[in-house]
Amino acid sequence: ISEKRYKKFLKKRENIKKEIERIKNTNIKPTNEIN
């Protein structure tokens, strides 16, 4: 795997990890919109 491809992969992996953490820590209030 080339360095260029590997850096792109690491970015993808980091994006996924950060988004999962964000969603797990985000609170949703019982608004009319969500319901």
Full PDB file with SEQRES, HELIX, SHEET, SSBOND, CRYST1, ORIGX, SCALE, CONECT and MASTER records, all heavy atoms in Angstrom:
SEQRES   1 A   35  ILE SER GLU LYS ARG TYR LYS LYS PHE LEU LYS LYS ARG          
SEQRES   2 A   35  GLU ASN ILE LYS LYS GLU ILE GLU ARG ILE LYS ASN THR          
SEQRES   3 A   35  ASN ILE LYS PRO THR ASN GLU ILE ASN                          
HELIX    1 AA1 GLU A    3  LYS A   24  1                                  22    
CRYST1    1.000    1.000    1.000  90.00  90.00  90.00 P 1           1          
ORIGX1      1.000000  0.000000  0.000000        0.00000                         
ORIGX2      0.000000  1.000000  0.000000        0.00000                         
ORIGX3      0.000000  0.000000  1.000000        0.00000                         
SCALE1      1.000000  0.000000  0.000000        0.00000                         
SCALE2      0.000000  1.000000  0.000000        0.00000                         
SCALE3      0.000000  0.000000  1.000000        0.00000                         
ATOM      1  N   ILE A   1       0.855  -1.191   0.000  1.00  0.00           N  
ATOM      2  CA  ILE A   1       0.000   0.000   0.000  1.00  0.00           C  
ATOM      3  C   ILE A   1       0.889   1.238   0.000  1.00  0.00           C  
ATOM      4  O   ILE A   1       1.772   1.380   0.845  1.00  0.00           O  
ATOM      5  CB  ILE A   1      -0.921   0.022   1.249  1.00  0.00           C  
ATOM      6  CG1 ILE A   1      -1.817  -1.226   1.294  1.00  0.00           C  
ATOM      7  CG2 ILE A   1      -1.766   1.289   1.280  1.00  0.00           C  
ATOM      8  CD1 ILE A   1      -2.839  -1.336   0.204  1.00  0.00           C  
ATOM      9  N   SER A   2       0.651   2.127  -0.957  1.00  0.00           N  
ATOM     10  CA  SER A   2       1.462   3.348  -1.054  1.00  0.00           C  
ATOM     11  C   SER A   2       1.179   4.275   0.125  1.00  0.00           C  
ATOM     12  O   SER A   2       0.127   4.182   0.763  1.00  0.00           O  
ATOM     13  CB  SER A   2       1.147   4.081  -2.354  1.00  0.00           C  
ATOM     14  OG  SER A   2      -0.181   4.602  -2.322  1.00  0.00           O  
ATOM     15  N   GLU A   3       2.123   5.184   0.396  1.00  0.00           N  
ATOM     16  CA  GLU A   3       1.951   6.139   1.496  1.00  0.00           C  
ATOM     17  C   GLU A   3       0.744   7.044   1.249  1.00  0.00           C  
ATOM     18  O   GLU A   3       0.008   7.382   2.179  1.00  0.00           O  
ATOM     19  CB  GLU A   3       3.215   6.979   1.671  1.00  0.00           C  
ATOM     20  CG  GLU A   3       4.371   6.236   2.306  1.00  0.00           C  
ATOM     21  CD  GLU A   3       4.039   5.662   3.673  1.00  0.00           C  
ATOM     22  OE1 GLU A   3       3.351   6.343   4.460  1.00  0.00           O  
ATOM     23  OE2 GLU A   3       4.445   4.525   3.958  1.00  0.00           O  
ATOM     24  N   LYS A   4       0.545   7.414  -0.012  1.00  0.00           N  
ATOM     25  CA  LYS A   4      -0.591   8.279  -0.363  1.00  0.00           C  
ATOM     26  C   LYS A   4      -1.910   7.589  -0.027  1.00  0.00           C  
ATOM     27  O   LYS A   4      -2.802   8.174   0.581  1.00  0.00           O  
ATOM     28  CB  LYS A   4      -0.537   8.622  -1.854  1.00  0.00           C  
ATOM     29  CG  LYS A   4      -1.669   9.535  -2.309  1.00  0.00           C  
ATOM     30  CD  LYS A   4      -1.562   9.831  -3.797  1.00  0.00           C  
ATOM     31  CE  LYS A   4      -2.725  10.718  -4.258  1.00  0.00           C  
ATOM     32  NZ  LYS A   4      -2.659  10.973  -5.728  1.00  0.00           N  
ATOM     33  N   ARG A   5      -2.005   6.336  -0.441  1.00  0.00           N  
ATOM     34  CA  ARG A   5      -3.233   5.583  -0.162  1.00  0.00           C  
ATOM     35  C   ARG A   5      -3.392   5.353   1.331  1.00  0.00           C  
ATOM     36  O   ARG A   5      -4.516   5.415   1.861  1.00  0.00           O  
ATOM     37  CB  ARG A   5      -3.205   4.252  -0.905  1.00  0.00           C  
ATOM     38  CG  ARG A   5      -4.431   3.390  -0.628  1.00  0.00           C  
ATOM     39  CD  ARG A   5      -4.460   2.147  -1.491  1.00  0.00           C  
ATOM     40  NE  ARG A   5      -5.583   1.288  -1.154  1.00  0.00           N  
ATOM     41  CZ  ARG A   5      -5.901   0.175  -1.790  1.00  0.00           C  
ATOM     42  NH1 ARG A   5      -5.173  -0.226  -2.813  1.00  0.00           N  
ATOM     43  NH2 ARG A   5      -6.942  -0.549  -1.414  1.00  0.00           N  
ATOM     44  N   TYR A   6      -2.287   5.092   2.037  1.00  0.00           N  
ATOM     45  CA  TYR A   6      -2.370   4.811   3.467  1.00  0.00           C  
ATOM     46  C   TYR A   6      -2.809   6.049   4.252  1.00  0.00           C  
ATOM     47  O   TYR A   6      -3.602   5.951   5.192  1.00  0.00           O  
ATOM     48  CB  TYR A   6      -1.030   4.305   3.982  1.00  0.00           C  
ATOM     49  CG  TYR A   6      -1.106   3.719   5.368  1.00  0.00           C  
ATOM     50  CD1 TYR A   6      -1.964   2.656   5.644  1.00  0.00           C  
ATOM     51  CD2 TYR A   6      -0.333   4.222   6.416  1.00  0.00           C  
ATOM     52  CE1 TYR A   6      -2.047   2.112   6.920  1.00  0.00           C  
ATOM     53  CE2 TYR A   6      -0.406   3.678   7.687  1.00  0.00           C  
ATOM     54  CZ  TYR A   6      -1.271   2.621   7.931  1.00  0.00           C  
ATOM     55  OH  TYR A   6      -1.354   2.085   9.198  1.00  0.00           O  
ATOM     56  N   LYS A   7      -2.314   7.211   3.861  1.00  0.00           N  
ATOM     57  CA  LYS A   7      -2.723   8.454   4.537  1.00  0.00           C  
ATOM     58  C   LYS A   7      -4.215   8.712   4.336  1.00  0.00           C  
ATOM     59  O   LYS A   7      -4.919   9.153   5.249  1.00  0.00           O  
ATOM     60  CB  LYS A   7      -1.904   9.629   4.003  1.00  0.00           C  
ATOM     61  CG  LYS A   7      -0.471   9.656   4.520  1.00  0.00           C  
ATOM     62  CD  LYS A   7       0.306  10.826   3.925  1.00  0.00           C  
ATOM     63  CE  LYS A   7       1.756  10.818   4.438  1.00  0.00           C  
ATOM     64  NZ  LYS A   7       2.564  11.910   3.828  1.00  0.00           N  
ATOM     65  N   LYS A   8      -4.690   8.421   3.138  1.00  0.00           N  
ATOM     66  CA  LYS A   8      -6.117   8.571   2.837  1.00  0.00           C  
ATOM     67  C   LYS A   8      -6.941   7.612   3.700  1.00  0.00           C  
ATOM     68  O   LYS A   8      -8.000   7.971   4.225  1.00  0.00           O  
ATOM     69  CB  LYS A   8      -6.354   8.278   1.347  1.00  0.00           C  
ATOM     70  CG  LYS A   8      -7.784   8.504   0.879  1.00  0.00           C  
ATOM     71  CD  LYS A   8      -7.892   8.222  -0.614  1.00  0.00           C  
ATOM     72  CE  LYS A   8      -9.336   8.356  -1.083  1.00  0.00           C  
ATOM     73  NZ  LYS A   8      -9.467   8.032  -2.532  1.00  0.00           N  
ATOM     74  N   PHE A   9      -6.434   6.400   3.863  1.00  0.00           N  
ATOM     75  CA  PHE A   9      -7.103   5.399   4.692  1.00  0.00           C  
ATOM     76  C   PHE A   9      -7.149   5.844   6.153  1.00  0.00           C  
ATOM     77  O   PHE A   9      -8.175   5.718   6.827  1.00  0.00           O  
ATOM     78  CB  PHE A   9      -6.381   4.050   4.573  1.00  0.00           C  
ATOM     79  CG  PHE A   9      -6.683   3.096   5.691  1.00  0.00           C  
ATOM     80  CD1 PHE A   9      -7.882   2.407   5.733  1.00  0.00           C  
ATOM     81  CD2 PHE A   9      -5.770   2.908   6.730  1.00  0.00           C  
ATOM     82  CE1 PHE A   9      -8.164   1.539   6.783  1.00  0.00           C  
ATOM     83  CE2 PHE A   9      -6.045   2.047   7.776  1.00  0.00           C  
ATOM     84  CZ  PHE A   9      -7.249   1.361   7.803  1.00  0.00           C  
ATOM     85  N   LEU A  10      -6.006   6.352   6.681  1.00  0.00           N  
ATOM     86  CA  LEU A  10      -5.950   6.798   8.076  1.00  0.00           C  
ATOM     87  C   LEU A  10      -6.943   7.926   8.338  1.00  0.00           C  
ATOM     88  O   LEU A  10      -7.564   7.982   9.410  1.00  0.00           O  
ATOM     89  CB  LEU A  10      -4.536   7.258   8.430  1.00  0.00           C  
ATOM     90  CG  LEU A  10      -3.460   6.161   8.497  1.00  0.00           C  
ATOM     91  CD1 LEU A  10      -2.097   6.784   8.766  1.00  0.00           C  
ATOM     92  CD2 LEU A  10      -3.800   5.125   9.572  1.00  0.00           C  
ATOM     93  N   LYS A  11      -7.100   8.809   7.355  1.00  0.00           N  
ATOM     94  CA  LYS A  11      -8.060   9.906   7.471  1.00  0.00           C  
ATOM     95  C   LYS A  11      -9.481   9.352   7.556  1.00  0.00           C  
ATOM     96  O   LYS A  11     -10.291   9.806   8.381  1.00  0.00           O  
ATOM     97  CB  LYS A  11      -7.925  10.843   6.261  1.00  0.00           C  
ATOM     98  CG  LYS A  11      -8.888  12.023   6.255  1.00  0.00           C  
ATOM     99  CD  LYS A  11      -8.624  12.980   7.404  1.00  0.00           C  
ATOM    100  CE  LYS A  11      -9.543  14.191   7.318  1.00  0.00           C  
ATOM    101  NZ  LYS A  11      -9.428  15.059   8.523  1.00  0.00           N  
ATOM    102  N   LYS A  12      -9.784   8.391   6.713  1.00  0.00           N  
ATOM    103  CA  LYS A  12     -11.114   7.766   6.728  1.00  0.00           C  
ATOM    104  C   LYS A  12     -11.379   7.103   8.081  1.00  0.00           C  
ATOM    105  O   LYS A  12     -12.442   7.292   8.677  1.00  0.00           O  
ATOM    106  CB  LYS A  12     -11.217   6.723   5.611  1.00  0.00           C  
ATOM    107  CG  LYS A  12     -12.511   5.922   5.642  1.00  0.00           C  
ATOM    108  CD  LYS A  12     -12.529   4.830   4.578  1.00  0.00           C  
ATOM    109  CE  LYS A  12     -13.787   3.975   4.681  1.00  0.00           C  
ATOM    110  NZ  LYS A  12     -13.837   2.908   3.644  1.00  0.00           N  
ATOM    111  N   ARG A  13     -10.399   6.354   8.572  1.00  0.00           N  
ATOM    112  CA  ARG A  13     -10.561   5.650   9.845  1.00  0.00           C  
ATOM    113  C   ARG A  13     -10.772   6.629  10.992  1.00  0.00           C  
ATOM    114  O   ARG A  13     -11.596   6.402  11.877  1.00  0.00           O  
ATOM    115  CB  ARG A  13      -9.336   4.771  10.108  1.00  0.00           C  
ATOM    116  CG  ARG A  13      -9.509   3.824  11.288  1.00  0.00           C  
ATOM    117  CD  ARG A  13      -8.395   2.806  11.345  1.00  0.00           C  
ATOM    118  NE  ARG A  13      -7.096   3.409  11.656  1.00  0.00           N  
ATOM    119  CZ  ARG A  13      -5.966   2.723  11.808  1.00  0.00           C  
ATOM    120  NH1 ARG A  13      -5.971   1.403  11.655  1.00  0.00           N  
ATOM    121  NH2 ARG A  13      -4.829   3.329  12.084  1.00  0.00           N  
ATOM    122  N   GLU A  14     -10.023   7.745  10.965  1.00  0.00           N  
ATOM    123  CA  GLU A  14     -10.144   8.761  12.012  1.00  0.00           C  
ATOM    124  C   GLU A  14     -11.502   9.446  11.950  1.00  0.00           C  
ATOM    125  O   GLU A  14     -12.120   9.719  12.992  1.00  0.00           O  
ATOM    126  CB  GLU A  14      -9.015   9.785  11.867  1.00  0.00           C  
ATOM    127  CG  GLU A  14      -8.975  10.840  12.963  1.00  0.00           C  
ATOM    128  CD  GLU A  14      -8.693  10.278  14.344  1.00  0.00           C  
ATOM    129  OE1 GLU A  14      -8.188   9.139  14.454  1.00  0.00           O  
ATOM    130  OE2 GLU A  14      -8.994  10.975  15.324  1.00  0.00           O  
ATOM    131  N   ASN A  15     -11.977   9.740  10.739  1.00  0.00           N  
ATOM    132  CA  ASN A  15     -13.292  10.379  10.560  1.00  0.00           C  
ATOM    133  C   ASN A  15     -14.400   9.504  11.147  1.00  0.00           C  
ATOM    134  O   ASN A  15     -15.321   9.991  11.810  1.00  0.00           O  
ATOM    135  CB  ASN A  15     -13.574  10.628   9.079  1.00  0.00           C  
ATOM    136  CG  ASN A  15     -12.747  11.771   8.517  1.00  0.00           C  
ATOM    137  OD1 ASN A  15     -12.162  12.559   9.263  1.00  0.00           O  
ATOM    138  ND2 ASN A  15     -12.688  11.865   7.201  1.00  0.00           N  
ATOM    139  N   ILE A  16     -14.319   8.212  10.891  1.00  0.00           N  
ATOM    140  CA  ILE A  16     -15.330   7.268  11.398  1.00  0.00           C  
ATOM    141  C   ILE A  16     -15.292   7.233  12.926  1.00  0.00           C  
ATOM    142  O   ILE A  16     -16.330   7.310  13.585  1.00  0.00           O  
ATOM    143  CB  ILE A  16     -15.080   5.854  10.819  1.00  0.00           C  
ATOM    144  CG1 ILE A  16     -15.317   5.853   9.307  1.00  0.00           C  
ATOM    145  CG2 ILE A  16     -15.978   4.821  11.502  1.00  0.00           C  
ATOM    146  CD1 ILE A  16     -14.798   4.622   8.604  1.00  0.00           C  
ATOM    147  N   LYS A  17     -14.096   7.135  13.477  1.00  0.00           N  
ATOM    148  CA  LYS A  17     -13.931   7.058  14.933  1.00  0.00           C  
ATOM    149  C   LYS A  17     -14.486   8.317  15.618  1.00  0.00           C  
ATOM    150  O   LYS A  17     -15.234   8.214  16.608  1.00  0.00           O  
ATOM    151  CB  LYS A  17     -12.449   6.892  15.278  1.00  0.00           C  
ATOM    152  CG  LYS A  17     -12.174   6.760  16.770  1.00  0.00           C  
ATOM    153  CD  LYS A  17     -10.666   6.640  17.039  1.00  0.00           C  
ATOM    154  CE  LYS A  17     -10.385   6.600  18.532  1.00  0.00           C  
ATOM    155  NZ  LYS A  17      -8.918   6.543  18.812  1.00  0.00           N  
ATOM    156  N   LYS A  18     -14.133   9.490  15.083  1.00  0.00           N  
ATOM    157  CA  LYS A  18     -14.584  10.758  15.683  1.00  0.00           C  
ATOM    158  C   LYS A  18     -16.099  10.900  15.610  1.00  0.00           C  
ATOM    159  O   LYS A  18     -16.733  11.364  16.565  1.00  0.00           O  
ATOM    160  CB  LYS A  18     -13.914  11.940  14.976  1.00  0.00           C  
ATOM    161  CG  LYS A  18     -12.465  12.158  15.369  1.00  0.00           C  
ATOM    162  CD  LYS A  18     -11.904  13.391  14.668  1.00  0.00           C  
ATOM    163  CE  LYS A  18     -10.478  13.675  15.122  1.00  0.00           C  
ATOM    164  NZ  LYS A  18      -9.903  14.855  14.412  1.00  0.00           N  
ATOM    165  N   GLU A  19     -16.684  10.505  14.482  1.00  0.00           N  
ATOM    166  CA  GLU A  19     -18.131  10.652  14.316  1.00  0.00           C  
ATOM    167  C   GLU A  19     -18.885   9.706  15.245  1.00  0.00           C  
ATOM    168  O   GLU A  19     -19.923  10.085  15.801  1.00  0.00           O  
ATOM    169  CB  GLU A  19     -18.519  10.411  12.858  1.00  0.00           C  
ATOM    170  CG  GLU A  19     -20.005  10.530  12.562  1.00  0.00           C  
ATOM    171  CD  GLU A  19     -20.611  11.905  12.834  1.00  0.00           C  
ATOM    172  OE1 GLU A  19     -19.933  12.781  13.426  1.00  0.00           O  
ATOM    173  OE2 GLU A  19     -21.781  12.110  12.465  1.00  0.00           O  
ATOM    174  N   ILE A  20     -18.395   8.506  15.443  1.00  0.00           N  
ATOM    175  CA  ILE A  20     -19.038   7.568  16.368  1.00  0.00           C  
ATOM    176  C   ILE A  20     -19.000   8.135  17.790  1.00  0.00           C  
ATOM    177  O   ILE A  20     -20.008   8.100  18.512  1.00  0.00           O  
ATOM    178  CB  ILE A  20     -18.349   6.179  16.308  1.00  0.00           C  
ATOM    179  CG1 ILE A  20     -18.662   5.496  14.974  1.00  0.00           C  
ATOM    180  CG2 ILE A  20     -18.804   5.295  17.477  1.00  0.00           C  
ATOM    181  CD1 ILE A  20     -17.894   4.202  14.742  1.00  0.00           C  
ATOM    182  N   GLU A  21     -17.863   8.685  18.183  1.00  0.00           N  
ATOM    183  CA  GLU A  21     -17.728   9.273  19.517  1.00  0.00           C  
ATOM    184  C   GLU A  21     -18.675  10.456  19.678  1.00  0.00           C  
ATOM    185  O   GLU A  21     -19.318  10.628  20.725  1.00  0.00           O  
ATOM    186  CB  GLU A  21     -16.286   9.723  19.751  1.00  0.00           C  
ATOM    187  CG  GLU A  21     -15.310   8.558  19.937  1.00  0.00           C  
ATOM    188  CD  GLU A  21     -13.870   9.025  20.069  1.00  0.00           C  
ATOM    189  OE1 GLU A  21     -13.630  10.249  19.920  1.00  0.00           O  
ATOM    190  OE2 GLU A  21     -12.983   8.177  20.305  1.00  0.00           O  
ATOM    191  N   ARG A  22     -18.769  11.291  18.628  1.00  0.00           N  
ATOM    192  CA  ARG A  22     -19.642  12.471  18.685  1.00  0.00           C  
ATOM    193  C   ARG A  22     -21.102  12.057  18.855  1.00  0.00           C  
ATOM    194  O   ARG A  22     -21.830  12.607  19.700  1.00  0.00           O  
ATOM    195  CB  ARG A  22     -19.482  13.294  17.407  1.00  0.00           C  
ATOM    196  CG  ARG A  22     -20.254  14.624  17.430  1.00  0.00           C  
ATOM    197  CD  ARG A  22     -20.230  15.304  16.085  1.00  0.00           C  
ATOM    198  NE  ARG A  22     -21.060  14.594  15.105  1.00  0.00           N  
ATOM    199  CZ  ARG A  22     -22.375  14.759  14.992  1.00  0.00           C  
ATOM    200  NH1 ARG A  22     -23.022  15.583  15.802  1.00  0.00           N  
ATOM    201  NH2 ARG A  22     -23.043  14.094  14.083  1.00  0.00           N  
ATOM    202  N   ILE A  23     -21.543  11.069  18.080  1.00  0.00           N  
ATOM    203  CA  ILE A  23     -22.939  10.625  18.142  1.00  0.00           C  
ATOM    204  C   ILE A  23     -23.253  10.013  19.504  1.00  0.00           C  
ATOM    205  O   ILE A  23     -24.333  10.233  20.066  1.00  0.00           O  
ATOM    206  CB  ILE A  23     -23.229   9.619  17.004  1.00  0.00           C  
ATOM    207  CG1 ILE A  23     -23.225  10.363  15.667  1.00  0.00           C  
ATOM    208  CG2 ILE A  23     -24.560   8.907  17.210  1.00  0.00           C  
ATOM    209  CD1 ILE A  23     -23.386   9.485  14.462  1.00  0.00           C  
ATOM    210  N   LYS A  24     -22.303   9.283  20.064  1.00  0.00           N  
ATOM    211  CA  LYS A  24     -22.518   8.671  21.382  1.00  0.00           C  
ATOM    212  C   LYS A  24     -22.614   9.712  22.494  1.00  0.00           C  
ATOM    213  O   LYS A  24     -23.224   9.462  23.536  1.00  0.00           O  
ATOM    214  CB  LYS A  24     -21.387   7.688  21.690  1.00  0.00           C  
ATOM    215  CG  LYS A  24     -21.488   6.373  20.940  1.00  0.00           C  
ATOM    216  CD  LYS A  24     -20.398   5.410  21.382  1.00  0.00           C  
ATOM    217  CE  LYS A  24     -20.567   4.048  20.744  1.00  0.00           C  
ATOM    218  NZ  LYS A  24     -19.537   3.084  21.202  1.00  0.00           N  
ATOM    219  N   ASN A  25     -22.006  10.873  22.270  1.00  0.00           N  
ATOM    220  CA  ASN A  25     -21.997  11.926  23.288  1.00  0.00           C  
ATOM    221  C   ASN A  25     -23.000  13.044  23.013  1.00  0.00           C  
ATOM    222  O   ASN A  25     -23.040  14.038  23.746  1.00  0.00           O  
ATOM    223  CB  ASN A  25     -20.592  12.531  23.396  1.00  0.00           C  
ATOM    224  CG  ASN A  25     -19.593  11.547  23.985  1.00  0.00           C  
ATOM    225  OD1 ASN A  25     -19.878  10.870  24.958  1.00  0.00           O  
ATOM    226  ND2 ASN A  25     -18.420  11.447  23.368  1.00  0.00           N  
ATOM    227  N   THR A  26     -23.804  12.902  21.970  1.00  0.00           N  
ATOM    228  CA  THR A  26     -24.779  13.927  21.610  1.00  0.00           C  
ATOM    229  C   THR A  26     -26.141  13.592  22.192  1.00  0.00           C  
ATOM    230  O   THR A  26     -26.683  12.498  21.953  1.00  0.00           O  
ATOM    231  CB  THR A  26     -24.897  14.067  20.071  1.00  0.00           C  
ATOM    232  OG1 THR A  26     -23.626  14.456  19.543  1.00  0.00           O  
ATOM    233  CG2 THR A  26     -25.948  15.103  19.700  1.00  0.00           C  
ATOM    234  N   ASN A  27     -26.702  14.509  22.960  1.00  0.00           N  
ATOM    235  CA  ASN A  27     -28.025  14.326  23.554  1.00  0.00           C  
ATOM    236  C   ASN A  27     -29.114  14.875  22.644  1.00  0.00           C  
ATOM    237  O   ASN A  27     -28.959  15.936  22.028  1.00  0.00           O  
ATOM    238  CB  ASN A  27     -28.105  15.041  24.915  1.00  0.00           C  
ATOM    239  CG  ASN A  27     -27.284  14.342  25.974  1.00  0.00           C  
ATOM    240  OD1 ASN A  27     -27.427  13.146  26.201  1.00  0.00           O  
ATOM    241  ND2 ASN A  27     -26.409  15.100  26.634  1.00  0.00           N  
ATOM    242  N   ILE A  28     -30.207  14.153  22.555  1.00  0.00           N  
ATOM    243  CA  ILE A  28     -31.354  14.573  21.756  1.00  0.00           C  
ATOM    244  C   ILE A  28     -32.516  14.858  22.698  1.00  0.00           C  
ATOM    245  O   ILE A  28     -32.903  13.993  23.498  1.00  0.00           O  
ATOM    246  CB  ILE A  28     -31.767  13.477  20.739  1.00  0.00           C  
ATOM    247  CG1 ILE A  28     -30.625  13.201  19.756  1.00  0.00           C  
ATOM    248  CG2 ILE A  28     -33.028  13.877  19.989  1.00  0.00           C  
ATOM    249  CD1 ILE A  28     -30.308  14.363  18.839  1.00  0.00           C  
ATOM    250  N   LYS A  29     -33.068  16.053  22.608  1.00  0.00           N  
ATOM    251  CA  LYS A  29     -34.212  16.427  23.452  1.00  0.00           C  
ATOM    252  C   LYS A  29     -35.523  16.014  22.774  1.00  0.00           C  
ATOM    253  O   LYS A  29     -35.592  15.938  21.549  1.00  0.00           O  
ATOM    254  CB  LYS A  29     -34.199  17.934  23.706  1.00  0.00           C  
ATOM    255  CG  LYS A  29     -32.996  18.384  24.525  1.00  0.00           C  
ATOM    256  CD  LYS A  29     -33.021  19.893  24.725  1.00  0.00           C  
ATOM    257  CE  LYS A  29     -31.804  20.344  25.556  1.00  0.00           C  
ATOM    258  NZ  LYS A  29     -31.786  21.815  25.738  1.00  0.00           N  
ATOM    259  N   PRO A  30     -36.570  15.760  23.546  1.00  0.00           N  
ATOM    260  CA  PRO A  30     -37.850  15.318  22.987  1.00  0.00           C  
ATOM    261  C   PRO A  30     -38.640  16.457  22.340  1.00  0.00           C  
ATOM    262  O   PRO A  30     -39.697  16.880  22.847  1.00  0.00           O  
ATOM    263  CB  PRO A  30     -38.582  14.737  24.209  1.00  0.00           C  
ATOM    264  CG  PRO A  30     -38.025  15.505  25.363  1.00  0.00           C  
ATOM    265  CD  PRO A  30     -36.584  15.764  25.021  1.00  0.00           C  
ATOM    266  N   THR A  31     -38.147  16.954  21.217  1.00  0.00           N  
ATOM    267  CA  THR A  31     -38.819  18.043  20.518  1.00  0.00           C  
ATOM    268  C   THR A  31     -39.849  17.501  19.524  1.00  0.00           C  
ATOM    269  O   THR A  31     -39.842  16.311  19.176  1.00  0.00           O  
ATOM    270  CB  THR A  31     -37.798  18.896  19.745  1.00  0.00           C  
ATOM    271  OG1 THR A  31     -37.175  18.060  18.741  1.00  0.00           O  
ATOM    272  CG2 THR A  31     -36.725  19.440  20.670  1.00  0.00           C  
ATOM    273  N   ASN A  32     -40.721  18.404  19.049  1.00  0.00           N  
ATOM    274  CA  ASN A  32     -41.718  18.007  18.045  1.00  0.00           C  
ATOM    275  C   ASN A  32     -41.039  17.528  16.770  1.00  0.00           C  
ATOM    276  O   ASN A  32     -41.524  16.610  16.099  1.00  0.00           O  
ATOM    277  CB  ASN A  32     -42.644  19.196  17.728  1.00  0.00           C  
ATOM    278  CG  ASN A  32     -43.565  19.517  18.889  1.00  0.00           C  
ATOM    279  OD1 ASN A  32     -43.881  18.633  19.697  1.00  0.00           O  
ATOM    280  ND2 ASN A  32     -43.992  20.765  18.978  1.00  0.00           N  
ATOM    281  N   GLU A  33     -39.916  18.161  16.441  1.00  0.00           N  
ATOM    282  CA  GLU A  33     -39.199  17.825  15.205  1.00  0.00           C  
ATOM    283  C   GLU A  33     -38.701  16.385  15.219  1.00  0.00           C  
ATOM    284  O   GLU A  33     -38.926  15.632  14.261  1.00  0.00           O  
ATOM    285  CB  GLU A  33     -38.027  18.788  15.003  1.00  0.00           C  
ATOM    286  CG  GLU A  33     -37.345  18.626  13.655  1.00  0.00           C  
ATOM    287  CD  GLU A  33     -36.193  19.608  13.462  1.00  0.00           C  
ATOM    288  OE1 GLU A  33     -35.824  20.302  14.432  1.00  0.00           O  
ATOM    289  OE2 GLU A  33     -35.663  19.662  12.334  1.00  0.00           O  
ATOM    290  N   ILE A  34     -38.037  15.980  16.294  1.00  0.00           N  
ATOM    291  CA  ILE A  34     -37.506  14.619  16.371  1.00  0.00           C  
ATOM    292  C   ILE A  34     -38.635  13.605  16.458  1.00  0.00           C  
ATOM    293  O   ILE A  34     -38.592  12.537  15.831  1.00  0.00           O  
ATOM    294  CB  ILE A  34     -36.504  14.444  17.550  1.00  0.00           C  
ATOM    295  CG1 ILE A  34     -35.955  12.996  17.591  1.00  0.00           C  
ATOM    296  CG2 ILE A  34     -37.149  14.769  18.884  1.00  0.00           C  
ATOM    297  CD1 ILE A  34     -35.192  12.562  16.389  1.00  0.00           C  
ATOM    298  N   ASN A  35     -39.693  13.926  17.239  1.00  0.00           N  
ATOM    299  CA  ASN A  35     -40.797  12.971  17.381  1.00  0.00           C  
ATOM    300  C   ASN A  35     -41.577  12.799  16.072  1.00  0.00           C  
ATOM    301  O   ASN A  35     -42.100  11.719  15.794  1.00  0.00           O  
ATOM    302  CB  ASN A  35     -41.731  13.397  18.510  1.00  0.00           C  
ATOM    303  CG  ASN A  35     -41.179  12.998  19.868  1.00  0.00           C  
ATOM    304  OD1 ASN A  35     -40.433  12.026  19.994  1.00  0.00           O  
ATOM    305  ND2 ASN A  35     -41.525  13.765  20.900  1.00  0.00           N  
TER     306      ASN A  35                                                      
MASTER        0    0    0    1    0    0    0    6  305    1    0    3          
END                                                                             
